[in-house]
Amino acid sequence: EEDVYVWDVGSGKGMMKMEEYHADEVTSMAFHPGNSSMLFSSGGDGMVNQYDLNQSDEDEILEATINCEQPITSFGFFGKNNEFMHILTTMEEVHIYGVEEAF
């Protein structure tokens, strides 16, 4: 599935559907550990997208994108304040980005 869905776990209701942000299947999703309104998704299209869930307008929700140019299997955050992101591709390459500088 290429679309990103956000659900309210407490109520079980869908909050939003973000379409067409990935051209291939979504492979991983995570909230930034220090900011619960900052959602990230990665995909088989080689993209990592950052969304601002405080935005109510679907056209404004996508904050930034990193293009790794290879399908992504996973990503995560690290550092004292989770200020860095590691991205693993299907070619077993690891990309390291500073969250603020990458986005």
N, C-alpha and C. Protein backbone atom coordinates (compact mmCIF):
# COMPACT_ATOMS: atom_id res chain seq x y z
N GLU A 1 0.85 -1.18 0.00
CA GLU A 1 0.00 0.00 0.00
C GLU A 1 0.89 1.24 0.00
N GLU A 2 0.59 2.19 -0.86
CA GLU A 2 1.37 3.42 -0.98
C GLU A 2 0.85 4.56 -0.11
N ASP A 3 -0.34 4.43 0.41
CA ASP A 3 -0.95 5.50 1.19
C ASP A 3 -0.57 5.38 2.66
N VAL A 4 -0.61 6.50 3.37
CA VAL A 4 -0.32 6.54 4.80
C VAL A 4 -1.61 6.87 5.52
N TYR A 5 -1.96 6.03 6.49
CA TYR A 5 -3.18 6.22 7.28
C TYR A 5 -2.79 6.54 8.72
N VAL A 6 -3.48 7.48 9.32
CA VAL A 6 -3.26 7.83 10.73
C VAL A 6 -4.55 7.55 11.48
N TRP A 7 -4.43 6.74 12.54
CA TRP A 7 -5.57 6.34 13.35
C TRP A 7 -5.40 6.84 14.78
N ASP A 8 -6.50 7.16 15.42
CA ASP A 8 -6.52 7.48 16.84
C ASP A 8 -6.64 6.15 17.56
N VAL A 9 -5.59 5.72 18.24
CA VAL A 9 -5.58 4.42 18.89
C VAL A 9 -6.63 4.36 20.00
N GLY A 10 -6.85 5.46 20.69
CA GLY A 10 -7.83 5.48 21.78
C GLY A 10 -9.25 5.24 21.31
N SER A 11 -9.63 5.87 20.21
CA SER A 11 -11.00 5.74 19.72
C SER A 11 -11.14 4.68 18.63
N GLY A 12 -10.01 4.32 18.00
CA GLY A 12 -10.06 3.35 16.91
C GLY A 12 -10.55 3.95 15.60
N LYS A 13 -10.65 5.27 15.54
CA LYS A 13 -11.15 5.94 14.35
C LYS A 13 -10.00 6.48 13.50
N GLY A 14 -10.20 6.43 12.19
CA GLY A 14 -9.23 7.00 11.27
C GLY A 14 -9.24 8.51 11.37
N MET A 15 -8.05 9.11 11.43
CA MET A 15 -7.95 10.56 11.52
C MET A 15 -7.68 11.19 10.16
N MET A 16 -6.81 10.54 9.37
CA MET A 16 -6.50 11.08 8.06
C MET A 16 -5.88 10.01 7.17
N LYS A 17 -6.00 10.24 5.89
CA LYS A 17 -5.38 9.38 4.88
C LYS A 17 -4.54 10.29 3.99
N MET A 18 -3.26 9.97 3.93
CA MET A 18 -2.35 10.78 3.12
C MET A 18 -2.01 9.97 1.88
N GLU A 19 -2.52 10.43 0.75
CA GLU A 19 -2.37 9.71 -0.51
C GLU A 19 -1.26 10.31 -1.36
N GLU A 20 -0.66 9.45 -2.15
CA GLU A 20 0.29 9.85 -3.18
C GLU A 20 1.57 10.48 -2.66
N TYR A 21 1.95 10.18 -1.42
CA TYR A 21 3.23 10.66 -0.92
C TYR A 21 4.34 9.66 -1.19
N HIS A 22 3.97 8.41 -1.49
CA HIS A 22 4.94 7.38 -1.87
C HIS A 22 4.48 6.77 -3.19
N ALA A 23 5.45 6.45 -4.05
CA ALA A 23 5.15 5.84 -5.35
C ALA A 23 5.22 4.32 -5.29
N ASP A 24 5.63 3.78 -4.17
CA ASP A 24 5.73 2.33 -3.97
C ASP A 24 5.28 2.06 -2.53
N GLU A 25 5.26 0.80 -2.12
CA GLU A 25 4.73 0.46 -0.81
C GLU A 25 5.48 1.16 0.33
N VAL A 26 4.73 1.48 1.38
CA VAL A 26 5.31 2.05 2.59
C VAL A 26 5.93 0.90 3.37
N THR A 27 7.20 1.05 3.74
CA THR A 27 7.92 -0.04 4.40
C THR A 27 8.09 0.16 5.90
N SER A 28 8.00 1.42 6.36
CA SER A 28 8.20 1.68 7.78
C SER A 28 7.60 3.03 8.13
N MET A 29 7.12 3.14 9.38
CA MET A 29 6.59 4.41 9.87
C MET A 29 7.00 4.57 11.33
N ALA A 30 7.24 5.81 11.75
CA ALA A 30 7.58 6.07 13.15
C ALA A 30 7.36 7.53 13.47
N PHE A 31 6.96 7.78 14.70
CA PHE A 31 6.93 9.14 15.22
C PHE A 31 8.33 9.47 15.73
N HIS A 32 8.70 10.74 15.62
CA HIS A 32 9.97 11.15 16.22
C HIS A 32 9.82 11.03 17.73
N PRO A 33 10.78 10.41 18.41
CA PRO A 33 10.65 10.19 19.86
C PRO A 33 10.49 11.48 20.67
N GLY A 34 10.96 12.60 20.17
CA GLY A 34 10.86 13.85 20.90
C GLY A 34 9.72 14.75 20.47
N ASN A 35 8.95 14.34 19.46
CA ASN A 35 7.88 15.19 18.94
C ASN A 35 6.77 14.30 18.38
N SER A 36 5.70 14.13 19.12
CA SER A 36 4.64 13.20 18.72
C SER A 36 3.81 13.70 17.54
N SER A 37 4.02 14.92 17.10
CA SER A 37 3.30 15.41 15.91
C SER A 37 4.15 15.28 14.66
N MET A 38 5.39 14.78 14.80
CA MET A 38 6.29 14.62 13.67
C MET A 38 6.32 13.13 13.29
N LEU A 39 5.65 12.78 12.19
CA LEU A 39 5.56 11.41 11.72
C LEU A 39 6.46 11.23 10.49
N PHE A 40 7.14 10.10 10.42
CA PHE A 40 8.01 9.78 9.29
C PHE A 40 7.53 8.48 8.65
N SER A 41 7.66 8.39 7.33
CA SER A 41 7.38 7.14 6.62
C SER A 41 8.47 6.92 5.59
N SER A 42 8.77 5.65 5.34
CA SER A 42 9.74 5.31 4.29
C SER A 42 9.07 4.34 3.33
N GLY A 43 9.66 4.23 2.14
CA GLY A 43 9.02 3.37 1.16
C GLY A 43 9.97 2.70 0.19
N GLY A 44 9.39 1.80 -0.58
CA GLY A 44 10.10 1.11 -1.63
C GLY A 44 10.54 2.05 -2.74
N ASP A 45 10.03 3.27 -2.73
CA ASP A 45 10.41 4.28 -3.72
C ASP A 45 11.70 5.02 -3.34
N GLY A 46 12.30 4.67 -2.19
CA GLY A 46 13.54 5.31 -1.76
C GLY A 46 13.35 6.60 -1.00
N MET A 47 12.12 6.95 -0.69
CA MET A 47 11.83 8.21 -0.01
C MET A 47 11.58 8.02 1.48
N VAL A 48 12.04 8.99 2.27
CA VAL A 48 11.63 9.13 3.66
C VAL A 48 10.92 10.47 3.73
N ASN A 49 9.67 10.44 4.17
CA ASN A 49 8.87 11.66 4.26
C ASN A 49 8.66 12.04 5.72
N GLN A 50 8.67 13.33 5.96
CA GLN A 50 8.36 13.88 7.28
C GLN A 50 7.04 14.62 7.18
N TYR A 51 6.11 14.28 8.08
CA TYR A 51 4.79 14.91 8.11
C TYR A 51 4.61 15.68 9.41
N ASP A 52 3.94 16.81 9.33
CA ASP A 52 3.58 17.59 10.51
C ASP A 52 2.10 17.37 10.77
N LEU A 53 1.78 16.55 11.77
CA LEU A 53 0.39 16.21 12.05
C LEU A 53 -0.38 17.35 12.70
N ASN A 54 0.30 18.45 13.02
CA ASN A 54 -0.42 19.63 13.52
C ASN A 54 -1.12 20.36 12.39
N GLN A 55 -0.74 20.09 11.16
CA GLN A 55 -1.36 20.73 9.99
C GLN A 55 -2.69 20.03 9.69
N SER A 56 -3.72 20.78 9.50
CA SER A 56 -5.02 20.18 9.16
C SER A 56 -5.24 20.14 7.65
N ASP A 57 -4.52 20.96 6.91
CA ASP A 57 -4.63 21.01 5.45
C ASP A 57 -3.72 19.94 4.86
N GLU A 58 -4.29 19.00 4.10
CA GLU A 58 -3.51 17.90 3.53
C GLU A 58 -2.38 18.40 2.63
N ASP A 59 -2.55 19.55 2.00
CA ASP A 59 -1.52 20.10 1.14
C ASP A 59 -0.32 20.65 1.93
N GLU A 60 -0.50 20.87 3.23
CA GLU A 60 0.56 21.44 4.06
C GLU A 60 1.21 20.41 4.98
N ILE A 61 0.69 19.20 5.03
CA ILE A 61 1.13 18.21 6.01
C ILE A 61 2.53 17.66 5.72
N LEU A 62 2.90 17.55 4.44
CA LEU A 62 4.23 17.05 4.09
C LEU A 62 5.24 18.15 4.32
N GLU A 63 6.15 17.92 5.27
CA GLU A 63 7.15 18.92 5.63
C GLU A 63 8.39 18.82 4.75
N ALA A 64 8.87 17.58 4.53
CA ALA A 64 10.12 17.41 3.80
C ALA A 64 10.28 15.96 3.36
N THR A 65 11.22 15.74 2.45
CA THR A 65 11.49 14.41 1.91
C THR A 65 12.99 14.22 1.72
N ILE A 66 13.46 13.03 2.03
CA ILE A 66 14.82 12.61 1.70
C ILE A 66 14.69 11.54 0.62
N ASN A 67 15.49 11.64 -0.44
CA ASN A 67 15.49 10.63 -1.49
C ASN A 67 16.80 9.85 -1.40
N CYS A 68 16.72 8.59 -0.99
CA CYS A 68 17.91 7.72 -0.89
C CYS A 68 18.19 6.99 -2.20
N GLU A 69 17.29 7.11 -3.16
CA GLU A 69 17.45 6.55 -4.50
C GLU A 69 17.54 5.02 -4.54
N GLN A 70 17.18 4.38 -3.43
CA GLN A 70 17.09 2.92 -3.35
C GLN A 70 15.95 2.59 -2.40
N PRO A 71 15.28 1.46 -2.61
CA PRO A 71 14.21 1.07 -1.70
C PRO A 71 14.71 1.00 -0.26
N ILE A 72 13.88 1.46 0.66
CA ILE A 72 14.25 1.53 2.08
C ILE A 72 13.56 0.40 2.84
N THR A 73 14.34 -0.28 3.67
CA THR A 73 13.76 -1.35 4.49
C THR A 73 13.37 -0.85 5.88
N SER A 74 14.15 0.06 6.44
CA SER A 74 13.83 0.57 7.78
C SER A 74 14.59 1.86 8.04
N PHE A 75 14.19 2.53 9.11
CA PHE A 75 14.89 3.72 9.57
C PHE A 75 14.65 3.85 11.07
N GLY A 76 15.44 4.68 11.71
CA GLY A 76 15.27 4.92 13.13
C GLY A 76 16.02 6.17 13.55
N PHE A 77 15.88 6.51 14.81
CA PHE A 77 16.49 7.72 15.35
C PHE A 77 17.52 7.35 16.40
N PHE A 78 18.55 8.16 16.54
CA PHE A 78 19.54 7.94 17.58
C PHE A 78 20.20 9.25 17.94
N GLY A 79 21.00 9.20 18.98
CA GLY A 79 21.66 10.39 19.51
C GLY A 79 21.03 10.77 20.83
N LYS A 80 21.71 11.62 21.57
CA LYS A 80 21.24 12.03 22.89
C LYS A 80 19.80 12.55 22.86
N ASN A 81 19.49 13.34 21.84
CA ASN A 81 18.14 13.91 21.70
C ASN A 81 17.44 13.39 20.44
N ASN A 82 17.87 12.21 19.98
CA ASN A 82 17.32 11.63 18.74
C ASN A 82 17.44 12.60 17.57
N GLU A 83 18.58 13.27 17.53
CA GLU A 83 18.80 14.27 16.49
C GLU A 83 19.34 13.70 15.20
N PHE A 84 19.60 12.40 15.18
CA PHE A 84 20.10 11.74 13.98
C PHE A 84 19.15 10.64 13.53
N MET A 85 19.20 10.35 12.24
CA MET A 85 18.36 9.31 11.65
C MET A 85 19.25 8.36 10.86
N HIS A 86 19.02 7.06 11.03
CA HIS A 86 19.70 6.07 10.19
C HIS A 86 18.66 5.45 9.27
N ILE A 87 19.05 5.23 8.03
CA ILE A 87 18.16 4.66 7.02
C ILE A 87 18.88 3.47 6.40
N LEU A 88 18.23 2.32 6.36
CA LEU A 88 18.79 1.11 5.77
C LEU A 88 18.07 0.81 4.46
N THR A 89 18.85 0.60 3.39
CA THR A 89 18.26 0.32 2.08
C THR A 89 18.32 -1.18 1.78
N THR A 90 17.62 -1.59 0.73
CA THR A 90 17.63 -2.99 0.33
C THR A 90 18.99 -3.42 -0.20
N MET A 91 19.85 -2.47 -0.54
CA MET A 91 21.21 -2.77 -0.98
C MET A 91 22.17 -2.84 0.20
N GLU A 92 21.60 -2.87 1.41
CA GLU A 92 22.34 -2.95 2.67
C GLU A 92 23.27 -1.76 2.88
N GLU A 93 22.86 -0.61 2.38
CA GLU A 93 23.56 0.64 2.65
C GLU A 93 22.89 1.32 3.83
N VAL A 94 23.70 1.96 4.65
CA VAL A 94 23.18 2.74 5.77
C VAL A 94 23.45 4.22 5.47
N HIS A 95 22.40 5.02 5.53
CA HIS A 95 22.52 6.47 5.34
C HIS A 95 22.29 7.11 6.71
N ILE A 96 23.12 8.09 7.04
CA ILE A 96 23.00 8.81 8.31
C ILE A 96 22.71 10.27 8.00
N TYR A 97 21.70 10.81 8.67
CA TYR A 97 21.32 12.22 8.48
C TYR A 97 21.08 12.85 9.84
N GLY A 98 21.42 14.12 9.95
CA GLY A 98 20.96 14.92 11.07
C GLY A 98 19.53 15.29 10.78
N VAL A 99 18.63 15.06 11.71
CA VAL A 99 17.19 15.28 11.45
C VAL A 99 16.94 16.73 11.04
N GLU A 100 17.52 17.67 11.72
CA GLU A 100 17.28 19.07 11.39
C GLU A 100 17.88 19.45 10.05
N GLU A 101 19.08 18.97 9.74
CA GLU A 101 19.72 19.35 8.47
C GLU A 101 19.13 18.62 7.29
N ALA A 102 18.64 17.40 7.50
CA ALA A 102 18.06 16.62 6.39
C ALA A 102 16.69 17.14 6.03
N PHE A 103 15.97 17.60 7.02
CA PHE A 103 14.61 18.04 6.78
C PHE A 103 14.53 19.52 6.98
